[in-house]
Protein backbone atom coordinates (compact mmCIF):
# COMPACT_ATOMS: atom_id res chain seq x y z
CA UNK A 1 -23.50 19.95 -3.51
CA UNK A 2 -26.90 18.65 -3.93
CA UNK A 3 -27.33 14.85 -3.25
CA UNK A 4 -29.66 12.76 -5.59
CA UNK A 5 -31.81 9.70 -4.57
CA UNK A 6 -32.54 9.08 -8.04
CA UNK A 7 -30.97 5.68 -9.20
CA UNK A 8 -28.57 6.34 -12.20
CA UNK A 9 -25.62 4.25 -13.54
CA UNK A 10 -22.05 5.63 -12.29
CA UNK A 11 -19.43 6.07 -14.66
CA UNK A 12 -16.02 4.93 -13.68
CA UNK A 13 -14.86 8.26 -14.26
CA UNK A 14 -17.23 9.95 -11.58
CA UNK A 15 -16.31 7.40 -9.29
CA UNK A 16 -12.42 8.03 -9.77
CA UNK A 17 -13.23 11.99 -9.05
CA UNK A 18 -15.45 11.13 -6.15
CA UNK A 19 -12.59 8.69 -4.80
CA UNK A 20 -9.88 11.35 -5.39
CA UNK A 21 -11.72 13.90 -3.04
CA UNK A 22 -10.25 11.52 -0.07
CA UNK A 23 -6.73 12.16 0.51
CA UNK A 24 -5.09 8.59 1.42
CA UNK A 25 -1.53 7.49 2.45
CA UNK A 26 0.67 6.04 -0.29
CA UNK A 27 2.34 2.70 0.72
CA UNK A 28 4.68 0.63 -0.92
CA UNK A 29 4.06 -3.28 -0.30
CA UNK A 30 6.94 -5.50 -0.87
CA UNK A 31 6.66 -9.28 -0.97
CA UNK A 32 8.25 -12.43 -3.00
CA UNK A 33 6.82 -14.02 -6.07
CA UNK A 34 6.44 -17.62 -6.72
CA UNK A 35 10.48 -18.03 -7.59
CA UNK A 36 11.32 -15.88 -4.63
CA UNK A 37 12.20 -12.75 -6.65
CA UNK A 38 11.33 -9.70 -4.65
CA UNK A 39 8.37 -7.90 -5.99
CA UNK A 40 6.99 -4.42 -5.07
CA UNK A 41 3.62 -2.40 -5.82
CA UNK A 42 2.35 0.99 -4.48
CA UNK A 43 -1.10 0.95 -2.89
CA UNK A 44 -2.89 3.58 -1.61
CA UNK A 45 -5.88 1.28 -0.30
CA UNK A 46 -4.76 0.52 3.31
CA UNK A 47 -6.37 0.56 6.16
CA UNK A 48 -6.49 -0.53 9.85
CA UNK A 49 -9.17 -3.65 10.68
CA UNK A 50 -8.16 -4.42 14.44
CA UNK A 51 -5.86 -3.87 17.46
CA UNK A 52 -6.37 -7.55 18.68
CA UNK A 53 -5.25 -9.20 16.74
CA UNK A 54 -3.42 -6.50 15.18
CA UNK A 55 -5.04 -6.61 11.69
CA UNK A 56 -4.82 -4.14 8.59
CA UNK A 57 -6.50 -4.48 4.94
CA UNK A 58 -5.46 -3.54 1.62
CA UNK A 59 -6.22 -4.46 -1.92
CA UNK A 60 -4.82 -5.31 -5.22
CA UNK A 61 -6.43 -5.60 -8.82
CA UNK A 62 -7.75 -9.11 -9.45
CA UNK A 63 -5.76 -8.85 -12.88
CA UNK A 64 -2.66 -7.94 -11.24
CA UNK A 65 0.49 -10.14 -12.08
CA UNK A 66 1.25 -9.76 -8.08
CA UNK A 67 -1.91 -10.74 -6.77
CA UNK A 68 -0.98 -14.70 -6.22
CA UNK A 69 2.31 -13.34 -4.58
CA UNK A 70 -0.03 -12.39 -1.37
CA UNK A 71 -2.40 -15.41 -0.88
CA UNK A 72 -2.96 -16.68 2.62
CA UNK A 73 0.37 -17.56 4.34
CA UNK A 74 2.23 -15.15 2.17
CA UNK A 75 4.72 -12.87 4.24
CA UNK A 76 4.93 -9.15 3.17
CA UNK A 77 6.14 -5.61 4.36
CA UNK A 78 3.86 -2.50 4.16
CA UNK A 79 5.93 0.48 3.82
CA UNK A 80 4.30 3.90 4.91
CA UNK A 81 6.19 6.14 2.34
CA UNK A 82 7.11 9.58 4.32
CA UNK A 83 6.61 12.82 2.32
CA UNK A 84 9.88 13.14 0.36
CA UNK A 85 9.31 9.39 -1.16
CA UNK A 86 7.42 10.39 -4.21
CA UNK A 87 10.07 8.50 -6.31
CA UNK A 88 9.60 5.13 -4.39
CA UNK A 89 5.76 5.73 -4.98
CA UNK A 90 6.49 6.16 -8.79
CA UNK A 91 9.11 3.32 -9.02
CA UNK A 92 6.75 0.77 -7.66
CA UNK A 93 3.46 2.17 -9.24
CA UNK A 94 3.96 0.31 -12.41
CA UNK A 95 5.26 -3.23 -12.96
CA UNK A 96 8.78 -3.77 -14.58
CA UNK A 97 12.11 -5.60 -14.09
CA UNK A 98 14.88 -4.29 -11.68
CA UNK A 99 12.43 -2.11 -9.53
CA UNK A 100 14.85 -2.71 -6.44
CA UNK A 101 18.09 -2.22 -8.63
CA UNK A 102 18.27 1.49 -7.52
CA UNK A 103 16.13 1.53 -4.71
CA UNK A 104 17.85 1.67 -1.15
CA UNK A 105 16.70 -1.48 0.44
CA UNK A 106 17.72 -4.34 2.75
CA UNK A 107 16.35 -8.20 3.30
CA UNK A 108 14.40 -8.85 6.06
CA UNK A 109 15.13 -12.37 7.84
CA UNK A 110 12.56 -13.81 5.38
CA UNK A 111 14.32 -12.26 2.43
CA UNK A 112 11.72 -9.56 1.86
CA UNK A 113 12.86 -6.41 0.50
CA UNK A 114 12.72 -3.94 3.20
CA UNK A 115 12.70 0.11 2.13
CA UNK A 116 14.76 2.46 4.29
CA UNK A 117 13.59 5.86 5.50
CA UNK A 118 9.77 5.39 5.47
CA UNK A 119 7.56 7.01 7.97
CA UNK A 120 6.54 3.08 9.08
CA UNK A 121 6.66 -0.14 8.01
CA UNK A 122 4.55 -3.24 9.36
CA UNK A 123 5.93 -6.81 8.65
CA UNK A 124 2.74 -8.91 7.92
CA UNK A 125 1.57 -12.14 6.83
CA UNK A 126 -1.81 -12.53 4.97
CA UNK A 127 -4.57 -14.31 6.81
CA UNK A 128 -7.44 -14.01 4.49
CA UNK A 129 -8.12 -13.03 0.98
CA UNK A 130 -11.66 -11.67 -0.19
CA UNK A 131 -13.04 -10.96 -3.71
CA UNK A 132 -14.27 -7.15 -3.78
CA UNK A 133 -15.16 -6.33 -7.22
CA UNK A 134 -12.30 -6.22 -9.58
CA UNK A 135 -10.18 -6.20 -6.68
CA UNK A 136 -9.18 -8.64 -3.93
CA UNK A 137 -9.25 -7.20 -0.23
CA UNK A 138 -6.13 -8.78 1.65
CA UNK A 139 -6.26 -8.86 5.38
CA UNK A 140 -3.07 -9.21 7.06
CA UNK A 141 -1.89 -9.89 10.64
CA UNK A 142 0.92 -7.64 12.04
CA UNK A 143 4.01 -9.37 13.30
CA UNK A 144 6.38 -6.46 13.88
CA UNK A 145 6.17 -2.62 12.88
CA UNK A 146 8.36 0.35 13.61
CA UNK A 147 7.53 4.07 12.95
CA UNK A 148 9.42 7.23 12.72
CA UNK A 149 7.33 10.15 14.34
CA UNK A 150 9.55 12.94 12.86
CA UNK A 151 8.57 11.49 9.38
CA UNK A 152 5.68 13.00 7.82
CA UNK A 153 3.49 10.82 5.26
CA UNK A 154 3.23 11.04 1.59
CA UNK A 155 -0.50 11.68 0.29
CA UNK A 156 -2.36 10.92 -2.84
CA UNK A 157 -5.15 13.56 -3.41
CA UNK A 158 -7.04 14.54 -6.40
CA UNK A 159 -4.51 12.21 -8.60
CA UNK A 160 -1.50 13.66 -7.38
CA UNK A 161 1.18 12.79 -4.75
CA UNK A 162 1.86 15.56 -2.07
CA UNK A 163 3.32 15.52 1.51
CA UNK A 164 2.49 17.18 4.54
CA UNK A 165 5.49 19.00 5.38
CA UNK A 166 5.40 19.32 9.27
CA UNK A 167 7.17 17.28 11.62
CA UNK A 168 4.94 15.25 14.49
CA UNK A 169 5.60 16.55 18.03
CA UNK A 170 7.20 14.10 20.20
């Protein structure tokens, strides 16, 4: 694949196709809106930042009606979906009422929905929000976590969901 040093405009379609070449894990982030109602959103823009303090980052579209729910100080849970949880990714990919009605979940001590059966989860608090083009970059400190090494992750690659079918060795 030849590379060019000539500057030319990059179309959003070309950019999306380029990004699609990089497989990412799939997460669902749950929290509470301003009325303390449960909310959830599917995100594939999740990264580690720091071990000390334990920080992660993820991003959300500026125009998302859920963006305000993740401001500084907001509590939320990042759920790393396992390879068999495509239905959860799809359920939370579009904003609609009643998302939690058919989803197996509990509420943590803060009342935030906790999705069961995930490969990992991180209970977090937003510590910073930065502008990033048409998105907001959320930096969150991890306060608690759990993971299941027997559960392989769900991946997003080439605009499709797929899972790694092998089970991690202990």
